[in-house]
């Protein structure tokens, strides 16, 4: 049976949330749209870009920051490396000035309220998480780019079958836990060794180890930041942050200045209830 192999970096992604399907996916779709525009013409020729959000992306888009994601993607911002503290100021500036720096290269007029449309009652046939980019050029030509955020940050362009990814044959194909057990018993390797052999089909082992370490660092930093931030979660749903109060109770007012000090304070213990 035909199948698509996925890497540990397909399952664990660094990127702005809260949703891989409704935030990270649409962001990546906007970046792919920029690439497609550059293949067709120069960004200098672009006059306007409008975004249509269909189905599920429209209905839950505000709460998941889908509109913010596509705007920042059109600006060429990287969801992996962007400073999350800069997101709100960037969006506020675009909204107030009514213009957008397309891929950081070309300024175009962009009215956030009208050029990101939430089509609540329309759904594209291929997948409920659909979005289209309507592009107009100086010469009067127009074209449309449609993408689908199919889950886990994966994006498929309309007409594609595999999201534009190369097909990789793994030395130890695994679809079930029984498959994993089979390869461990047959080769005598541990689970992590089998996984590393498969990952090496995509890249060198040092690159895989460095990438996994970067994922851990991102998780660590997000945990620390979230446990020390007060107020409401982003998204406009007015959900109160709870981690700050829970953390304060856990460390029992101990003093620290960094992640390592925080971990040590947790180990010393506080009030658990």
Protein backbone atom coordinates (compact mmCIF):
# COMPACT_ATOMS: atom_id res chain seq x y z
CA UNK A 1 0.00 0.00 0.00
CA UNK A 2 1.36 3.43 -0.93
CA UNK A 3 2.14 5.65 2.01
CA UNK A 4 4.03 8.83 2.85
CA UNK A 5 6.93 8.55 5.26
CA UNK A 6 7.14 11.23 7.92
CA UNK A 7 10.06 12.36 10.05
CA UNK A 8 10.28 13.24 13.72
CA UNK A 9 10.41 16.85 12.48
CA UNK A 10 7.03 16.41 10.82
CA UNK A 11 5.55 15.28 14.13
CA UNK A 12 7.34 17.84 16.31
CA UNK A 13 7.46 21.33 14.80
CA UNK A 14 8.63 24.64 16.17
CA UNK A 15 6.22 27.40 15.29
CA UNK A 16 3.72 29.96 16.50
CA UNK A 17 0.47 28.47 17.85
CA UNK A 18 -1.96 27.78 19.26
CA UNK A 19 -2.93 25.41 16.44
CA UNK A 20 -0.81 23.52 13.94
CA UNK A 21 -3.80 23.30 11.58
CA UNK A 22 -5.24 26.78 12.01
CA UNK A 23 -2.13 28.83 12.74
CA UNK A 24 1.09 27.19 11.58
CA UNK A 25 -0.45 25.65 8.45
CA UNK A 26 -2.01 28.88 7.12
CA UNK A 27 1.23 30.72 7.91
CA UNK A 28 3.17 28.21 5.81
CA UNK A 29 0.55 28.49 3.07
CA UNK A 30 1.17 32.24 2.90
CA UNK A 31 4.91 31.63 2.61
CA UNK A 32 4.29 29.13 -0.18
CA UNK A 33 2.07 31.69 -1.91
CA UNK A 34 4.97 34.16 -1.87
CA UNK A 35 7.20 31.52 -3.48
CA UNK A 36 4.58 30.86 -6.14
CA UNK A 37 4.21 34.56 -6.90
CA UNK A 38 7.97 34.85 -7.34
CA UNK A 39 7.90 31.94 -9.79
CA UNK A 40 5.23 33.69 -11.87
CA UNK A 41 6.45 37.28 -11.70
CA UNK A 42 8.39 39.81 -9.64
CA UNK A 43 6.95 40.93 -6.31
CA UNK A 44 7.34 44.48 -7.59
CA UNK A 45 4.48 43.76 -10.03
CA UNK A 46 2.01 42.88 -7.25
CA UNK A 47 -0.69 45.46 -6.49
CA UNK A 48 -2.91 43.65 -3.99
CA UNK A 49 -3.23 40.31 -2.20
CA UNK A 50 -6.48 39.28 -0.53
CA UNK A 51 -7.07 36.17 1.57
CA UNK A 52 -10.20 34.03 1.72
CA UNK A 53 -10.58 31.69 4.69
CA UNK A 54 -13.05 28.84 4.22
CA UNK A 55 -14.88 26.43 6.49
CA UNK A 56 -13.13 25.54 9.71
CA UNK A 57 -10.44 28.18 9.18
CA UNK A 58 -13.14 30.82 9.03
CA UNK A 59 -15.20 29.56 11.95
CA UNK A 60 -12.35 29.25 14.45
CA UNK A 61 -9.85 31.53 12.73
CA UNK A 62 -10.07 34.48 15.10
CA UNK A 63 -9.50 32.37 18.19
CA UNK A 64 -6.57 30.55 16.58
CA UNK A 65 -5.01 33.64 15.04
CA UNK A 66 -5.42 32.40 11.45
CA UNK A 67 -5.74 35.95 10.14
CA UNK A 68 -2.60 36.99 12.01
CA UNK A 69 -0.75 33.95 10.67
CA UNK A 70 -1.50 34.62 7.00
CA UNK A 71 -0.65 38.31 7.34
CA UNK A 72 2.72 37.60 8.90
CA UNK A 73 3.33 34.87 6.32
CA UNK A 74 2.72 37.37 3.52
CA UNK A 75 5.25 39.62 5.23
CA UNK A 76 7.79 36.82 4.90
CA UNK A 77 8.10 36.30 8.64
CA UNK A 78 9.35 32.89 9.78
CA UNK A 79 7.00 31.11 12.26
CA UNK A 80 10.00 29.26 13.68
CA UNK A 81 12.29 32.18 14.47
CA UNK A 82 9.97 35.18 14.92
CA UNK A 83 10.05 36.90 18.30
CA UNK A 84 6.55 36.20 19.63
CA UNK A 85 6.63 39.50 21.53
CA UNK A 86 6.83 41.32 18.18
CA UNK A 87 3.66 39.80 16.70
CA UNK A 88 1.04 42.11 18.22
CA UNK A 89 3.01 45.31 17.45
CA UNK A 90 3.54 44.18 13.84
CA UNK A 91 -0.16 43.43 13.32
CA UNK A 92 -1.18 46.71 14.98
CA UNK A 93 1.14 48.65 12.68
CA UNK A 94 -0.22 46.92 9.55
CA UNK A 95 -3.80 47.58 10.70
CA UNK A 96 -3.17 51.23 11.51
CA UNK A 97 -1.12 52.05 8.41
CA UNK A 98 -3.24 50.00 6.00
CA UNK A 99 -0.26 48.57 4.20
CA UNK A 100 1.83 45.40 4.23
CA UNK A 101 5.50 44.79 3.42
CA UNK A 102 5.14 41.84 1.04
CA UNK A 103 7.95 39.36 1.86
CA UNK A 104 9.81 42.33 3.34
CA UNK A 105 10.43 43.60 -0.20
CA UNK A 106 7.41 45.45 -1.61
CA UNK A 107 4.89 47.69 0.17
CA UNK A 108 1.28 47.09 -0.88
CA UNK A 109 -2.01 48.49 0.40
CA UNK A 110 -3.64 46.06 2.79
CA UNK A 111 -6.85 46.73 4.71
CA UNK A 112 -6.96 43.97 7.31
CA UNK A 113 -10.71 44.28 7.87
CA UNK A 114 -11.59 43.67 4.21
CA UNK A 115 -8.64 41.82 2.68
CA UNK A 116 -8.80 38.88 5.07
CA UNK A 117 -12.30 37.49 4.60
CA UNK A 118 -13.91 34.84 6.81
CA UNK A 119 -16.30 32.81 4.63
CA UNK A 120 -18.18 31.05 7.41
CA UNK A 121 -20.73 29.33 5.17
CA UNK A 122 -18.40 28.15 2.42
CA UNK A 123 -16.19 25.05 2.48
CA UNK A 124 -13.92 23.75 -0.27
CA UNK A 125 -14.44 20.13 -1.30
CA UNK A 126 -10.93 18.79 -0.70
CA UNK A 127 -10.59 19.72 2.99
CA UNK A 128 -12.41 21.96 5.53
CA UNK A 129 -9.21 23.93 6.23
CA UNK A 130 -8.99 25.76 2.92
CA UNK A 131 -7.68 29.22 2.09
CA UNK A 132 -7.16 31.14 -1.13
CA UNK A 133 -4.89 34.05 -1.99
CA UNK A 134 -6.21 36.41 -4.68
CA UNK A 135 -3.33 38.26 -6.34
CA UNK A 136 -3.65 41.23 -8.71
CA UNK A 137 -0.77 42.63 -10.79
CA UNK A 138 0.06 46.01 -12.31
CA UNK A 139 -0.71 44.76 -15.82
CA UNK A 140 -4.29 43.98 -14.81
CA UNK A 141 -3.82 40.22 -14.55
CA UNK A 142 -5.22 38.26 -11.62
CA UNK A 143 -4.59 34.77 -10.32
CA UNK A 144 -5.60 32.63 -7.35
CA UNK A 145 -3.52 30.31 -5.16
CA UNK A 146 -5.47 27.80 -3.04
CA UNK A 147 -4.00 25.73 -0.22
CA UNK A 148 -5.26 23.31 2.41
CA UNK A 149 -3.94 23.01 5.96
CA UNK A 150 -4.42 19.27 6.39
CA UNK A 151 -3.15 18.90 9.96
CA UNK A 152 0.08 18.93 11.91
CA UNK A 153 1.36 21.98 10.03
CA UNK A 154 1.25 20.12 6.70
CA UNK A 155 0.09 22.17 3.71
CA UNK A 156 -1.13 20.88 0.35
CA UNK A 157 -1.55 23.13 -2.67
CA UNK A 158 -4.63 22.58 -4.77
CA UNK A 159 -3.83 19.85 -7.27
CA UNK A 160 -0.92 18.39 -5.29
CA UNK A 161 -0.96 14.87 -3.91
CA UNK A 162 1.86 15.04 -1.35
CA UNK A 163 2.24 18.68 -0.33
CA UNK A 164 5.23 19.07 -2.63
CA UNK A 165 7.36 16.73 -0.52
CA UNK A 166 9.84 14.25 -1.95
CA UNK A 167 8.99 10.58 -1.41
CA UNK A 168 11.51 8.88 0.91
CA UNK A 169 12.02 5.13 1.27
CA UNK A 170 12.95 4.30 4.85
CA UNK A 171 15.24 1.39 5.80
CA UNK A 172 12.75 0.37 8.50
CA UNK A 173 9.20 1.38 7.43
CA UNK A 174 6.88 1.62 10.43
CA UNK A 175 3.11 1.98 10.36
CA UNK A 176 2.18 0.27 13.64
CA UNK A 177 3.70 -0.53 17.02
CA UNK A 178 4.01 -4.15 15.84
CA UNK A 179 6.20 -2.96 12.95
CA UNK A 180 8.48 -1.16 15.40
CA UNK A 181 8.69 -4.26 17.62
CA UNK A 182 9.44 -6.39 14.54
CA UNK A 183 12.42 -4.26 13.49
CA UNK A 184 13.81 -4.11 17.04
CA UNK A 185 13.66 -7.90 17.35
CA UNK A 186 15.04 -8.53 13.86
CA UNK A 187 17.97 -6.09 14.10
CA UNK A 188 18.67 -6.17 17.84
CA UNK A 189 18.54 -2.39 17.87
CA UNK A 190 16.79 -0.27 20.49
CA UNK A 191 13.82 1.92 19.51
CA UNK A 192 15.89 5.11 19.38
CA UNK A 193 18.44 3.39 17.16
CA UNK A 194 15.78 2.29 14.67
CA UNK A 195 14.35 5.81 14.64
CA UNK A 196 17.79 7.34 14.05
CA UNK A 197 18.42 5.00 11.12
CA UNK A 198 15.15 6.13 9.57
CA UNK A 199 15.90 9.81 10.20
CA UNK A 200 19.25 9.35 8.46
CA UNK A 201 17.32 8.76 5.23
CA UNK A 202 16.57 12.48 5.29
CA UNK A 203 19.71 13.99 6.78
CA UNK A 204 23.01 13.33 8.54
CA UNK A 205 22.86 12.13 12.16
CA UNK A 206 24.45 15.30 13.67
CA UNK A 207 21.79 17.41 11.93
CA UNK A 208 19.02 15.25 13.39
CA UNK A 209 20.47 15.46 16.90
CA UNK A 210 20.85 19.23 16.64
CA UNK A 211 17.29 19.58 15.38
CA UNK A 212 15.86 17.53 18.23
CA UNK A 213 17.87 19.60 20.70
CA UNK A 214 16.39 22.78 19.19
CA UNK A 215 12.89 21.36 19.67
CA UNK A 216 13.68 20.66 23.33
CA UNK A 217 15.04 24.20 23.82
CA UNK A 218 11.91 25.67 22.27
CA UNK A 219 9.67 23.58 24.53
CA UNK A 220 11.76 24.59 27.53
CA UNK A 221 11.61 28.30 26.70
CA UNK A 222 7.86 28.19 25.99
CA UNK A 223 7.21 26.46 29.31
CA UNK A 224 9.27 29.01 31.20
CA UNK A 225 7.71 31.97 29.41
CA UNK A 226 4.16 30.67 29.85
CA UNK A 227 4.66 30.06 33.57
CA UNK A 228 5.75 33.64 34.11
CA UNK A 229 3.24 35.55 31.96
CA UNK A 230 0.07 37.06 33.37
CA UNK A 231 -3.11 38.33 31.75
CA UNK A 232 -5.04 36.63 28.97
CA UNK A 233 -4.05 34.16 26.27
CA UNK A 234 -3.83 35.65 22.76
CA UNK A 235 -6.73 35.04 20.39
CA UNK A 236 -9.41 37.40 21.66
CA UNK A 237 -11.36 34.76 23.61
CA UNK A 238 -10.43 36.35 26.96
CA UNK A 239 -9.08 33.11 28.42
CA UNK A 240 -7.18 33.86 31.61
CA UNK A 241 -3.65 32.52 31.92
CA UNK A 242 -3.50 29.99 34.77
CA UNK A 243 0.13 28.85 34.66
CA UNK A 244 1.44 31.93 36.50
CA UNK A 245 -0.66 31.31 39.61
CA UNK A 246 0.01 27.56 39.55
CA UNK A 247 3.73 28.17 39.24
CA UNK A 248 3.71 30.70 42.06
CA UNK A 249 2.04 28.14 44.32
CA UNK A 250 4.43 25.40 43.24
CA UNK A 251 7.64 27.30 43.99
CA UNK A 252 6.27 28.88 47.19
CA UNK A 253 7.72 32.37 46.50
CA UNK A 254 11.30 31.17 46.03
CA UNK A 255 13.64 33.50 44.16
CA UNK A 256 15.38 32.63 40.86
CA UNK A 257 16.52 34.42 37.72
CA UNK A 258 16.63 31.82 34.93
CA UNK A 259 15.38 28.41 33.80
CA UNK A 260 17.96 26.47 35.79
CA UNK A 261 17.08 28.38 38.96
CA UNK A 262 13.40 27.79 38.29
CA UNK A 263 13.89 24.02 37.98
CA UNK A 264 15.85 23.97 41.23
CA UNK A 265 13.06 25.90 42.97
CA UNK A 266 10.50 23.37 41.72
CA UNK A 267 12.62 20.51 43.04
CA UNK A 268 12.68 22.11 46.47
CA UNK A 269 8.90 21.99 46.40
CA UNK A 270 6.04 24.23 47.42
CA UNK A 271 2.30 23.93 47.80
CA UNK A 272 0.79 21.29 45.49
CA UNK A 273 -2.89 22.07 46.13
